[in-house]
Amino acid sequence: MSDRPQPVDVAARVLGLLVFLLGVGLIVWVFRQAELLYLAPPLKLPEPVAAPVLPKGSAGAVAPATGEAIGKAAAAVGADLATTVSRLLSLLLMALAGGLTASLGLRLVSALRRNL
């Protein structure tokens, strides 16, 4: 047998290395996206609902806020919360995918070394 590696071995090593680098690239991308998420300005809460003006003779009475205004404010907060949670879950999923891809690349390269 010759000491020169077979072309298939070289191609498999290169493929394993490329898969590993793809996984590392995914992890770097996830960390960059997380950094951008944390550097983004905080979400603004909706303005408080203005209470209607009460007549002078009703001291101490509190005017109820309108249901429509409260509903709009709650919907805005809920939408912002859903957006943030979905971003965090997608970052978690991408980090998992990057880690598994990098692990697969390392296993491919190490399997080739054991066979030589």
PDB file of N, CA and C in Angstrom:
ATOM      1  N   MET A   1       0.840  -1.192   0.000  1.00  0.00           N
ATOM      2  CA  MET A   1       0.000   0.000   0.000  1.00  0.00           C
ATOM      3  C   MET A   1       0.878   1.245   0.000  1.00  0.00           C
ATOM      4  N   SER A   2       0.377   2.255  -0.628  1.00  0.00           N
ATOM      5  CA  SER A   2       1.146   3.496  -0.651  1.00  0.00           C
ATOM      6  C   SER A   2       0.789   4.354   0.554  1.00  0.00           C
ATOM      7  N   ASP A   3       1.727   5.237   0.888  1.00  0.00           N
ATOM      8  CA  ASP A   3       1.507   6.123   2.023  1.00  0.00           C
ATOM      9  C   ASP A   3       0.678   7.342   1.644  1.00  0.00           C
ATOM     10  N   ARG A   4       0.463   7.534   0.376  1.00  0.00           N
ATOM     11  CA  ARG A   4      -0.335   8.692  -0.058  1.00  0.00           C
ATOM     12  C   ARG A   4      -1.808   8.432   0.228  1.00  0.00           C
ATOM     13  N   PRO A   5      -2.512   9.444   0.761  1.00  0.00           N
ATOM     14  CA  PRO A   5      -3.943   9.241   1.018  1.00  0.00           C
ATOM     15  C   PRO A   5      -4.713   9.131  -0.290  1.00  0.00           C
ATOM     16  N   GLN A   6      -5.728   8.303  -0.268  1.00  0.00           N
ATOM     17  CA  GLN A   6      -6.574   8.117  -1.435  1.00  0.00           C
ATOM     18  C   GLN A   6      -7.400   9.387  -1.667  1.00  0.00           C
ATOM     19  N   PRO A   7      -7.771   9.666  -2.923  1.00  0.00           N
ATOM     20  CA  PRO A   7      -8.589  10.865  -3.201  1.00  0.00           C
ATOM     21  C   PRO A   7      -9.909  10.871  -2.438  1.00  0.00           C
ATOM     22  N   VAL A   8     -10.467   9.687  -2.198  1.00  0.00           N
ATOM     23  CA  VAL A   8     -11.733   9.620  -1.453  1.00  0.00           C
ATOM     24  C   VAL A   8     -11.505  10.056  -0.010  1.00  0.00           C
ATOM     25  N   ASP A   9     -10.373   9.646   0.580  1.00  0.00           N
ATOM     26  CA  ASP A   9     -10.067  10.038   1.953  1.00  0.00           C
ATOM     27  C   ASP A   9      -9.909  11.552   2.067  1.00  0.00           C
ATOM     28  N   VAL A  10      -9.226  12.139   1.106  1.00  0.00           N
ATOM     29  CA  VAL A  10      -9.018  13.586   1.133  1.00  0.00           C
ATOM     30  C   VAL A  10     -10.355  14.306   0.978  1.00  0.00           C
ATOM     31  N   ALA A  11     -11.175  13.849   0.054  1.00  0.00           N
ATOM     32  CA  ALA A  11     -12.480  14.480  -0.159  1.00  0.00           C
ATOM     33  C   ALA A  11     -13.358  14.339   1.084  1.00  0.00           C
ATOM     34  N   ALA A  12     -13.312  13.186   1.720  1.00  0.00           N
ATOM     35  CA  ALA A  12     -14.120  12.985   2.926  1.00  0.00           C
ATOM     36  C   ALA A  12     -13.619  13.870   4.064  1.00  0.00           C
ATOM     37  N   ARG A  13     -12.311  14.014   4.185  1.00  0.00           N
ATOM     38  CA  ARG A  13     -11.778  14.910   5.221  1.00  0.00           C
ATOM     39  C   ARG A  13     -12.193  16.350   4.970  1.00  0.00           C
ATOM     40  N   VAL A  14     -12.115  16.759   3.713  1.00  0.00           N
ATOM     41  CA  VAL A  14     -12.511  18.135   3.379  1.00  0.00           C
ATOM     42  C   VAL A  14     -13.990  18.329   3.656  1.00  0.00           C
ATOM     43  N   LEU A  15     -14.808  17.344   3.297  1.00  0.00           N
ATOM     44  CA  LEU A  15     -16.247  17.442   3.565  1.00  0.00           C
ATOM     45  C   LEU A  15     -16.517  17.527   5.065  1.00  0.00           C
ATOM     46  N   GLY A  16     -15.837  16.695   5.850  1.00  0.00           N
ATOM     47  CA  GLY A  16     -16.004  16.748   7.301  1.00  0.00           C
ATOM     48  C   GLY A  16     -15.595  18.096   7.864  1.00  0.00           C
ATOM     49  N   LEU A  17     -14.499  18.639   7.366  1.00  0.00           N
ATOM     50  CA  LEU A  17     -14.042  19.948   7.837  1.00  0.00           C
ATOM     51  C   LEU A  17     -15.027  21.046   7.444  1.00  0.00           C
ATOM     52  N   LEU A  18     -15.571  20.960   6.220  1.00  0.00           N
ATOM     53  CA  LEU A  18     -16.555  21.961   5.793  1.00  0.00           C
ATOM     54  C   LEU A  18     -17.840  21.892   6.624  1.00  0.00           C
ATOM     55  N   VAL A  19     -18.278  20.691   6.951  1.00  0.00           N
ATOM     56  CA  VAL A  19     -19.477  20.539   7.793  1.00  0.00           C
ATOM     57  C   VAL A  19     -19.212  21.116   9.175  1.00  0.00           C
ATOM     58  N   PHE A  20     -18.027  20.855   9.717  1.00  0.00           N
ATOM     59  CA  PHE A  20     -17.664  21.420  11.025  1.00  0.00           C
ATOM     60  C   PHE A  20     -17.656  22.947  10.974  1.00  0.00           C
ATOM     61  N   LEU A  21     -17.051  23.513   9.930  1.00  0.00           N
ATOM     62  CA  LEU A  21     -16.995  24.975   9.808  1.00  0.00           C
ATOM     63  C   LEU A  21     -18.383  25.573   9.606  1.00  0.00           C
ATOM     64  N   LEU A  22     -19.260  24.859   8.925  1.00  0.00           N
ATOM     65  CA  LEU A  22     -20.642  25.329   8.778  1.00  0.00           C
ATOM     66  C   LEU A  22     -21.322  25.411  10.139  1.00  0.00           C
ATOM     67  N   GLY A  23     -21.123  24.395  10.974  1.00  0.00           N
ATOM     68  CA  GLY A  23     -21.700  24.409  12.322  1.00  0.00           C
ATOM     69  C   GLY A  23     -21.152  25.543  13.166  1.00  0.00           C
ATOM     70  N   VAL A  24     -19.848  25.764  13.084  1.00  0.00           N
ATOM     71  CA  VAL A  24     -19.241  26.880  13.831  1.00  0.00           C
ATOM     72  C   VAL A  24     -19.784  28.207  13.318  1.00  0.00           C
ATOM     73  N   GLY A  25     -19.959  28.303  12.000  1.00  0.00           N
ATOM     74  CA  GLY A  25     -20.528  29.528  11.430  1.00  0.00           C
ATOM     75  C   GLY A  25     -21.941  29.788  11.918  1.00  0.00           C
ATOM     76  N   LEU A  26     -22.744  28.735  12.027  1.00  0.00           N
ATOM     77  CA  LEU A  26     -24.103  28.893  12.555  1.00  0.00           C
ATOM     78  C   LEU A  26     -24.077  29.377  14.002  1.00  0.00           C
ATOM     79  N   ILE A  27     -23.170  28.834  14.792  1.00  0.00           N
ATOM     80  CA  ILE A  27     -23.082  29.255  16.189  1.00  0.00           C
ATOM     81  C   ILE A  27     -22.646  30.711  16.284  1.00  0.00           C
ATOM     82  N   VAL A  28     -21.688  31.122  15.460  1.00  0.00           N
ATOM     83  CA  VAL A  28     -21.248  32.527  15.453  1.00  0.00           C
ATOM     84  C   VAL A  28     -22.406  33.429  15.046  1.00  0.00           C
ATOM     85  N   TRP A  29     -23.183  33.015  14.041  1.00  0.00           N
ATOM     86  CA  TRP A  29     -24.325  33.813  13.608  1.00  0.00           C
ATOM     87  C   TRP A  29     -25.348  33.964  14.732  1.00  0.00           C
ATOM     88  N   VAL A  30     -25.592  32.877  15.471  1.00  0.00           N
ATOM     89  CA  VAL A  30     -26.547  32.928  16.586  1.00  0.00           C
ATOM     90  C   VAL A  30     -26.064  33.910  17.654  1.00  0.00           C
ATOM     91  N   PHE A  31     -24.773  33.864  17.979  1.00  0.00           N
ATOM     92  CA  PHE A  31     -24.262  34.799  18.980  1.00  0.00           C
ATOM     93  C   PHE A  31     -24.372  36.244  18.495  1.00  0.00           C
ATOM     94  N   ARG A  32     -24.159  36.470  17.211  1.00  0.00           N
ATOM     95  CA  ARG A  32     -24.289  37.833  16.670  1.00  0.00           C
ATOM     96  C   ARG A  32     -25.747  38.303  16.748  1.00  0.00           C
ATOM     97  N   GLN A  33     -26.678  37.419  16.400  1.00  0.00           N
ATOM     98  CA  GLN A  33     -28.092  37.781  16.475  1.00  0.00           C
ATOM     99  C   GLN A  33     -28.519  38.044  17.916  1.00  0.00           C
ATOM    100  N   ALA A  34     -28.008  37.253  18.846  1.00  0.00           N
ATOM    101  CA  ALA A  34     -28.334  37.471  20.260  1.00  0.00           C
ATOM    102  C   ALA A  34     -27.785  38.813  20.726  1.00  0.00           C
ATOM    103  N   GLU A  35     -26.580  39.155  20.272  1.00  0.00           N
ATOM    104  CA  GLU A  35     -26.007  40.450  20.643  1.00  0.00           C
ATOM    105  C   GLU A  35     -26.869  41.589  20.110  1.00  0.00           C
ATOM    106  N   LEU A  36     -27.321  41.478  18.858  1.00  0.00           N
ATOM    107  CA  LEU A  36     -28.190  42.512  18.295  1.00  0.00           C
ATOM    108  C   LEU A  36     -29.517  42.607  19.041  1.00  0.00           C
ATOM    109  N   LEU A  37     -30.020  41.464  19.478  1.00  0.00           N
ATOM    110  CA  LEU A  37     -31.283  41.455  20.226  1.00  0.00           C
ATOM    111  C   LEU A  37     -31.129  42.170  21.562  1.00  0.00           C
ATOM    112  N   TYR A  38     -30.008  41.947  22.226  1.00  0.00           N
ATOM    113  CA  TYR A  38     -29.811  42.574  23.533  1.00  0.00           C
ATOM    114  C   TYR A  38     -29.387  44.034  23.423  1.00  0.00           C
ATOM    115  N   LEU A  39     -28.818  44.433  22.294  1.00  0.00           N
ATOM    116  CA  LEU A  39     -28.438  45.833  22.113  1.00  0.00           C
ATOM    117  C   LEU A  39     -29.591  46.691  21.605  1.00  0.00           C
ATOM    118  N   ALA A  40     -30.658  46.058  21.158  1.00  0.00           N
ATOM    119  CA  ALA A  40     -31.818  46.801  20.661  1.00  0.00           C
ATOM    120  C   ALA A  40     -32.442  47.589  21.816  1.00  0.00           C
ATOM    121  N   PRO A  41     -32.980  48.760  21.499  1.00  0.00           N
ATOM    122  CA  PRO A  41     -33.626  49.533  22.572  1.00  0.00           C
ATOM    123  C   PRO A  41     -34.828  48.774  23.122  1.00  0.00           C
ATOM    124  N   PRO A  42     -35.116  48.980  24.401  1.00  0.00           N
ATOM    125  CA  PRO A  42     -36.254  48.262  24.992  1.00  0.00           C
ATOM    126  C   PRO A  42     -37.568  48.677  24.325  1.00  0.00           C
ATOM    127  N   LEU A  43     -38.485  47.754  24.330  1.00  0.00           N
ATOM    128  CA  LEU A  43     -39.790  48.036  23.738  1.00  0.00           C
ATOM    129  C   LEU A  43     -40.521  49.079  24.576  1.00  0.00           C
ATOM    130  N   LYS A  44     -41.219  49.960  23.895  1.00  0.00           N
ATOM    131  CA  LYS A  44     -41.968  51.005  24.600  1.00  0.00           C
ATOM    132  C   LYS A  44     -43.338  50.461  24.999  1.00  0.00           C
ATOM    133  N   LEU A  45     -43.696  50.735  26.223  1.00  0.00           N
ATOM    134  CA  LEU A  45     -45.041  50.390  26.669  1.00  0.00           C
ATOM    135  C   LEU A  45     -46.019  51.413  26.114  1.00  0.00           C
ATOM    136  N   PRO A  46     -47.242  51.005  25.881  1.00  0.00           N
ATOM    137  CA  PRO A  46     -48.220  51.977  25.389  1.00  0.00           C
ATOM    138  C   PRO A  46     -48.480  53.061  26.426  1.00  0.00           C
ATOM    139  N   GLU A  47     -48.855  54.203  25.947  1.00  0.00           N
ATOM    140  CA  GLU A  47     -49.176  55.325  26.839  1.00  0.00           C
ATOM    141  C   GLU A  47     -50.368  54.952  27.718  1.00  0.00           C
ATOM    142  N   PRO A  48     -50.374  55.439  28.948  1.00  0.00           N
ATOM    143  CA  PRO A  48     -51.520  55.162  29.818  1.00  0.00           C
ATOM    144  C   PRO A  48     -52.801  55.731  29.212  1.00  0.00           C
ATOM    145  N   VAL A  49     -53.876  55.031  29.478  1.00  0.00           N
ATOM    146  CA  VAL A  49     -55.163  55.455  28.958  1.00  0.00           C
ATOM    147  C   VAL A  49     -55.647  56.646  29.773  1.00  0.00           C
ATOM    148  N   ALA A  50     -55.965  57.721  29.073  1.00  0.00           N
ATOM    149  CA  ALA A  50     -56.445  58.927  29.760  1.00  0.00           C
ATOM    150  C   ALA A  50     -57.881  58.710  30.239  1.00  0.00           C
ATOM    151  N   ALA A  51     -58.098  59.045  31.489  1.00  0.00           N
ATOM    152  CA  ALA A  51     -59.442  58.922  32.058  1.00  0.00           C
ATOM    153  C   ALA A  51     -60.265  60.137  31.652  1.00  0.00           C
ATOM    154  N   PRO A  52     -61.555  59.950  31.440  1.00  0.00           N
ATOM    155  CA  PRO A  52     -62.387  61.101  31.104  1.00  0.00           C
ATOM    156  C   PRO A  52     -62.473  62.084  32.273  1.00  0.00           C
ATOM    157  N   VAL A  53     -62.682  63.340  31.941  1.00  0.00           N
ATOM    158  CA  VAL A  53     -62.779  64.388  32.961  1.00  0.00           C
ATOM    159  C   VAL A  53     -64.117  64.251  33.686  1.00  0.00           C
ATOM    160  N   LEU A  54     -64.036  64.264  35.032  1.00  0.00           N
ATOM    161  CA  LEU A  54     -65.245  64.148  35.852  1.00  0.00           C
ATOM    162  C   LEU A  54     -65.754  65.535  36.237  1.00  0.00           C
ATOM    163  N   PRO A  55     -67.034  65.643  36.487  1.00  0.00           N
ATOM    164  CA  PRO A  55     -67.565  66.935  36.935  1.00  0.00           C
ATOM    165  C   PRO A  55     -66.979  67.319  38.300  1.00  0.00           C
ATOM    166  N   LYS A  56     -67.053  68.614  38.626  1.00  0.00           N
ATOM    167  CA  LYS A  56     -66.445  69.117  39.863  1.00  0.00           C
ATOM    168  C   LYS A  56     -67.042  68.493  41.114  1.00  0.00           C
ATOM    169  N   GLY A  57     -68.280  68.163  41.142  1.00  0.00           N
ATOM    170  CA  GLY A  57     -68.926  67.672  42.353  1.00  0.00           C
ATOM    171  C   GLY A  57     -68.620  66.208  42.675  1.00  0.00           C
ATOM    172  N   SER A  58     -67.845  65.549  41.904  1.00  0.00           N
ATOM    173  CA  SER A  58     -67.605  64.121  42.145  1.00  0.00           C
ATOM    174  C   SER A  58     -66.184  63.895  42.656  1.00  0.00           C
ATOM    175  N   ALA A  59     -65.843  64.465  43.792  1.00  0.00           N
ATOM    176  CA  ALA A  59     -64.506  64.327  44.365  1.00  0.00           C
ATOM    177  C   ALA A  59     -64.271  62.898  44.811  1.00  0.00           C
ATOM    178  N   GLY A  60     -63.132  62.381  44.524  1.00  0.00           N
ATOM    179  CA  GLY A  60     -62.756  61.041  44.962  1.00  0.00           C
ATOM    180  C   GLY A  60     -63.234  59.934  44.040  1.00  0.00           C
ATOM    181  N   ALA A  61     -64.067  60.257  43.078  1.00  0.00           N
ATOM    182  CA  ALA A  61     -64.539  59.222  42.161  1.00  0.00           C
ATOM    183  C   ALA A  61     -63.480  58.969  41.096  1.00  0.00           C
ATOM    184  N   VAL A  62     -63.335  57.739  40.722  1.00  0.00           N
ATOM    185  CA  VAL A  62     -62.368  57.374  39.695  1.00  0.00           C
ATOM    186  C   VAL A  62     -63.141  56.984  38.445  1.00  0.00           C
ATOM    187  N   ALA A  63     -62.768  57.617  37.352  1.00  0.00           N
ATOM    188  CA  ALA A  63     -63.440  57.311  36.093  1.00  0.00           C
ATOM    189  C   ALA A  63     -62.811  56.059  35.477  1.00  0.00           C
ATOM    190  N   PRO A  64     -63.605  55.114  35.066  1.00  0.00           N
ATOM    191  CA  PRO A  64     -63.042  53.904  34.451  1.00  0.00           C
ATOM    192  C   PRO A  64     -62.485  54.202  33.065  1.00  0.00           C
ATOM    193  N   ALA A  65     -61.412  53.516  32.742  1.00  0.00           N
ATOM    194  CA  ALA A  65     -60.847  53.661  31.404  1.00  0.00           C
ATOM    195  C   ALA A  65     -61.732  52.891  30.431  1.00  0.00           C
ATOM    196  N   THR A  66     -61.706  53.291  29.203  1.00  0.00           N
ATOM    197  CA  THR A  66     -62.558  52.626  28.224  1.00  0.00           C
ATOM    198  C   THR A  66     -61.978  51.257  27.883  1.00  0.00           C
ATOM    199  N   GLY A  67     -62.837  50.305  27.655  1.00  0.00           N
ATOM    200  CA  GLY A  67     -62.413  48.939  27.351  1.00  0.00           C
ATOM    201  C   GLY A  67     -61.645  48.838  26.043  1.00  0.00           C
ATOM    202  N   GLU A  68     -62.010  49.638  25.071  1.00  0.00           N
ATOM    203  CA  GLU A  68     -61.331  49.599  23.776  1.00  0.00           C
ATOM    204  C   GLU A  68     -59.881  50.042  23.906  1.00  0.00           C
ATOM    205  N   ALA A  69     -59.623  51.104  24.671  1.00  0.00           N
ATOM    206  CA  ALA A  69     -58.260  51.598  24.849  1.00  0.00           C
ATOM    207  C   ALA A  69     -57.402  50.588  25.609  1.00  0.00           C
ATOM    208  N   ILE A  70     -57.985  49.968  26.620  1.00  0.00           N
ATOM    209  CA  ILE A  70     -57.240  48.965  27.386  1.00  0.00           C
ATOM    210  C   ILE A  70     -56.944  47.747  26.500  1.00  0.00           C
ATOM    211  N   GLY A  71     -57.891  47.373  25.689  1.00  0.00           N
ATOM    212  CA  GLY A  71     -57.696  46.240  24.776  1.00  0.00           C
ATOM    213  C   GLY A  71     -56.576  46.482  23.782  1.00  0.00           C
ATOM    214  N   LYS A  72     -56.514  47.698  23.230  1.00  0.00           N
ATOM    215  CA  LYS A  72     -55.439  48.031  22.287  1.00  0.00           C
ATOM    216  C   LYS A  72     -54.077  47.996  22.968  1.00  0.00           C
ATOM    217  N   ALA A  73     -54.015  48.530  24.192  1.00  0.00           N
ATOM    218  CA  ALA A  73     -52.742  48.527  24.928  1.00  0.00           C
ATOM    219  C   ALA A  73     -52.313  47.098  25.248  1.00  0.00           C
ATOM    220  N   ALA A  74     -53.245  46.257  25.676  1.00  0.00           N
ATOM    221  CA  ALA A  74     -52.916  44.869  25.985  1.00  0.00           C
ATOM    222  C   ALA A  74     -52.483  44.113  24.736  1.00  0.00           C
ATOM    223  N   ALA A  75     -53.109  44.397  23.602  1.00  0.00           N
ATOM    224  CA  ALA A  75     -52.733  43.736  22.350  1.00  0.00           C
ATOM    225  C   ALA A  75     -51.324  44.140  21.927  1.00  0.00           C
ATOM    226  N   ALA A  76     -50.966  45.410  22.130  1.00  0.00           N
ATOM    227  CA  ALA A  76     -49.626  45.866  21.769  1.00  0.00           C
ATOM    228  C   ALA A  76     -48.562  45.187  22.635  1.00  0.00           C
ATOM    229  N   VAL A  77     -48.820  45.094  23.923  1.00  0.00           N
ATOM    230  CA  VAL A  77     -47.872  44.432  24.828  1.00  0.00           C
ATOM    231  C   VAL A  77     -47.771  42.946  24.488  1.00  0.00           C
ATOM    232  N   GLY A  78     -48.888  42.308  24.213  1.00  0.00           N
ATOM    233  CA  GLY A  78     -48.889  40.887  23.856  1.00  0.00           C
ATOM    234  C   GLY A  78     -48.133  40.620  22.562  1.00  0.00           C
ATOM    235  N   ALA A  79     -48.285  41.498  21.575  1.00  0.00           N
ATOM    236  CA  ALA A  79     -47.571  41.315  20.307  1.00  0.00           C
ATOM    237  C   ALA A  79     -46.063  41.467  20.501  1.00  0.00           C
ATOM    238  N   ASP A  80     -45.649  42.446  21.300  1.00  0.00           N
ATOM    239  CA  ASP A  80     -44.223  42.626  21.572  1.00  0.00           C
ATOM    240  C   ASP A  80     -43.646  41.435  22.331  1.00  0.00           C
ATOM    241  N   LEU A  81     -44.403  40.911  23.275  1.00  0.00           N
ATOM    242  CA  LEU A  81     -43.952  39.744  24.031  1.00  0.00           C
ATOM    243  C   LEU A  81     -43.832  38.520  23.127  1.00  0.00           C
ATOM    244  N   ALA A  82     -44.796  38.316  22.252  1.00  0.00           N
ATOM    245  CA  ALA A  82     -44.758  37.181  21.328  1.00  0.00           C
ATOM    246  C   ALA A  82     -43.574  37.294  20.381  1.00  0.00           C
ATOM    247  N   THR A  83     -43.274  38.491  19.909  1.00  0.00           N
ATOM    248  CA  THR A  83     -42.124  38.699  19.026  1.00  0.00           C
ATOM    249  C   THR A  83     -40.823  38.359  19.738  1.00  0.00           C
ATOM    250  N   THR A  84     -40.680  38.822  20.965  1.00  0.00           N
ATOM    251  CA  THR A  84     -39.455  38.563  21.726  1.00  0.00           C
ATOM    252  C   THR A  84     -39.287  37.075  22.015  1.00  0.00           C
ATOM    253  N   VAL A  85     -40.357  36.414  22.416  1.00  0.00           N
ATOM    254  CA  VAL A  85     -40.280  34.978  22.707  1.00  0.00           C
ATOM    255  C   VAL A  85     -39.948  34.195  21.444  1.00  0.00           C
ATOM    256  N   SER A  86     -40.541  34.552  20.314  1.00  0.00           N
ATOM    257  CA  SER A  86     -40.251  33.825  19.073  1.00  0.00           C
ATOM    258  C   SER A  86     -38.805  34.034  18.641  1.00  0.00           C
ATOM    259  N   ARG A  87     -38.260  35.229  18.849  1.00  0.00           N
ATOM    260  CA  ARG A  87     -36.849  35.467  18.531  1.00  0.00           C
ATOM    261  C   ARG A  87     -35.945  34.617  19.410  1.00  0.00           C
ATOM    262  N   LEU A  88     -36.240  34.559  20.683  1.00  0.00           N
ATOM    263  CA  LEU A  88     -35.414  33.757  21.598  1.00  0.00           C
ATOM    264  C   LEU A  88     -35.490  32.269  21.258  1.00  0.00           C
ATOM    265  N   LEU A  89     -36.670  31.779  20.922  1.00  0.00           N
ATOM    266  CA  LEU A  89     -36.809  30.366  20.574  1.00  0.00           C
ATOM    267  C   LEU A  89     -36.081  30.038  19.263  1.00  0.00           C
ATOM    268  N   SER A  90     -36.136  30.952  18.296  1.00  0.00           N
ATOM    269  CA  SER A  90     -35.421  30.696  17.046  1.00  0.00           C
ATOM    270  C   SER A  90     -33.911  30.724  17.270  1.00  0.00           C
ATOM    271  N   LEU A  91     -33.423  31.597  18.146  1.00  0.00           N
ATOM    272  CA  LEU A  91     -31.995  31.607  18.466  1.00  0.00           C
ATOM    273  C   LEU A  91     -31.583  30.308  19.150  1.00  0.00           C
ATOM    274  N   LEU A  92     -32.421  29.801  20.041  1.00  0.00           N
ATOM    275  CA  LEU A  92     -32.129  28.540  20.713  1.00  0.00           C
ATOM    276  C   LEU A  92     -32.077  27.397  19.704  1.00  0.00           C
ATOM    277  N   LEU A  93     -33.022  27.370  18.785  1.00  0.00           N
ATOM    278  CA  LEU A  93     -33.055  26.329  17.765  1.00  0.00           C
ATOM    279  C   LEU A  93     -31.827  26.405  16.853  1.00  0.00           C
ATOM    280  N   MET A  94     -31.440  27.604  16.453  1.00  0.00           N
ATOM    281  CA  MET A  94     -30.267  27.752  15.588  1.00  0.00           C
ATOM    282  C   MET A  94     -28.988  27.378  16.328  1.00  0.00           C
ATOM    283  N   ALA A  95     -28.889  27.682  17.600  1.00  0.00           N
ATOM    284  CA  ALA A  95     -27.708  27.283  18.379  1.00  0.00           C
ATOM    285  C   ALA A  95     -27.627  25.767  18.467  1.00  0.00           C
ATOM    286  N   LEU A  96     -28.758  25.111  18.666  1.00  0.00           N
ATOM    287  CA  LEU A  96     -28.794  23.657  18.704  1.00  0.00           C
ATOM    288  C   LEU A  96     -28.383  23.069  17.355  1.00  0.00           C
ATOM    289  N   ALA A  97     -28.896  23.632  16.279  1.00  0.00           N
ATOM    290  CA  ALA A  97     -28.544  23.148  14.942  1.00  0.00           C
ATOM    291  C   ALA A  97     -27.059  23.345  14.665  1.00  0.00           C
ATOM    292  N   GLY A  98     -26.507  24.480  15.063  1.00  0.00           N
ATOM    293  CA  GLY A  98     -25.084  24.723  14.864  1.00  0.00           C
ATOM    294  C   GLY A  98     -24.224  23.757  15.644  1.00  0.00           C
ATOM    295  N   GLY A  99     -24.600  23.493  16.870  1.00  0.00           N
ATOM    296  CA  GLY A  99     -23.839  22.556  17.695  1.00  0.00           C
ATOM    297  C   GLY A  99     -23.874  21.142  17.135  1.00  0.00           C
ATOM    298  N   LEU A 100     -25.063  20.712  16.683  1.00  0.00           N
ATOM    299  CA  LEU A 100     -25.176  19.375  16.108  1.00  0.00           C
ATOM    300  C   LEU A 100     -24.406  19.258  14.795  1.00  0.00           C
ATOM    301  N   THR A 101     -24.431  20.314  13.980  1.00  0.00           N
ATOM    302  CA  THR A 101     -23.697  20.294  12.719  1.00  0.00           C
ATOM    303  C   THR A 101     -22.200  20.242  12.960  1.00  0.00           C
ATOM    304  N   ALA A 102     -21.704  21.039  13.891  1.00  0.00           N
ATOM    305  CA  ALA A 102     -20.279  21.008  14.210  1.00  0.00           C
ATOM    306  C   ALA A 102     -19.880  19.648  14.763  1.00  0.00           C
ATOM    307  N   SER A 103     -20.719  19.059  15.585  1.00  0.00           N
ATOM    308  CA  SER A 103     -20.450  17.740  16.137  1.00  0.00           C
ATOM    309  C   SER A 103     -20.386  16.682  15.030  1.00  0.00           C
ATOM    310  N   LEU A 104     -21.287  16.766  14.063  1.00  0.00           N
ATOM    311  CA  LEU A 104     -21.282  15.831  12.945  1.00  0.00           C
ATOM    312  C   LEU A 104     -19.995  15.962  12.138  1.00  0.00           C
ATOM    313  N   GLY A 105     -19.558  17.188  11.903  1.00  0.00           N
ATOM    314  CA  GLY A 105     -18.310  17.393  11.171  1.00  0.00           C
ATOM    315  C   GLY A 105     -17.125  16.789  11.897  1.00  0.00           C
ATOM    316  N   LEU A 106     -17.069  16.969  13.209  1.00  0.00           N
ATOM    317  CA  LEU A 106     -15.966  16.382  13.978  1.00  0.00           C
ATOM    318  C   LEU A 106     -16.015  14.856  13.952  1.00  0.00           C
ATOM    319  N   ARG A 107     -17.219  14.291  14.019  1.00  0.00           N
ATOM    320  CA  ARG A 107     -17.334  12.839  13.963  1.00  0.00           C
ATOM    321  C   ARG A 107     -16.894  12.284  12.611  1.00  0.00           C
ATOM    322  N   LEU A 108     -17.208  13.016  11.534  1.00  0.00           N
ATOM    323  CA  LEU A 108     -16.769  12.574  10.211  1.00  0.00           C
ATOM    324  C   LEU A 108     -15.248  12.553  10.120  1.00  0.00           C
ATOM    325  N   VAL A 109     -14.609  13.617  10.588  1.00  0.00           N
ATOM    326  CA  VAL A 109     -13.150  13.684  10.520  1.00  0.00           C
ATOM    327  C   VAL A 109     -12.517  12.641  11.420  1.00  0.00           C
ATOM    328  N   SER A 110     -13.025  12.461  12.624  1.00  0.00           N
ATOM    329  CA  SER A 110     -12.430  11.498  13.543  1.00  0.00           C
ATOM    330  C   SER A 110     -12.654  10.056  13.066  1.00  0.00           C
ATOM    331  N   ALA A 111     -13.757   9.772  12.422  1.00  0.00           N
ATOM    332  CA  ALA A 111     -14.003   8.431  11.883  1.00  0.00           C
ATOM    333  C   ALA A 111     -13.012   8.102  10.775  1.00  0.00           C
ATOM    334  N   LEU A 112     -12.657   9.093   9.980  1.00  0.00           N
ATOM    335  CA  LEU A 112     -11.687   8.877   8.912  1.00  0.00           C
ATOM    336  C   LEU A 112     -10.290   8.609   9.496  1.00  0.00           C
ATOM    337  N   ARG A 113      -9.950   9.288  10.561  1.00  0.00           N
ATOM    338  CA  ARG A 113      -8.624   9.090  11.176  1.00  0.00           C
ATOM    339  C   ARG A 113      -8.515   7.691  11.764  1.00  0.00           C
ATOM    340  N   ARG A 114      -9.603   7.170  12.309  1.00  0.00           N
ATOM    341  CA  ARG A 114      -9.566   5.826  12.882  1.00  0.00           C
ATOM    342  C   ARG A 114      -9.426   4.764  11.807  1.00  0.00           C
ATOM    343  N   ASN A 115      -9.967   5.045  10.622  1.00  0.00           N
ATOM    344  CA  ASN A 115      -9.906   4.069   9.530  1.00  0.00           C
ATOM    345  C   ASN A 115      -8.547   4.042   8.847  1.00  0.00           C
ATOM    346  N   LEU A 116      -7.745   5.028   9.028  1.00  0.00           N
ATOM    347  CA  LEU A 116      -6.439   5.069   8.348  1.00  0.00           C
ATOM    348  C   LEU A 116      -5.416   4.256   9.038  1.00  0.00           C
TER     349      LEU A 116
END
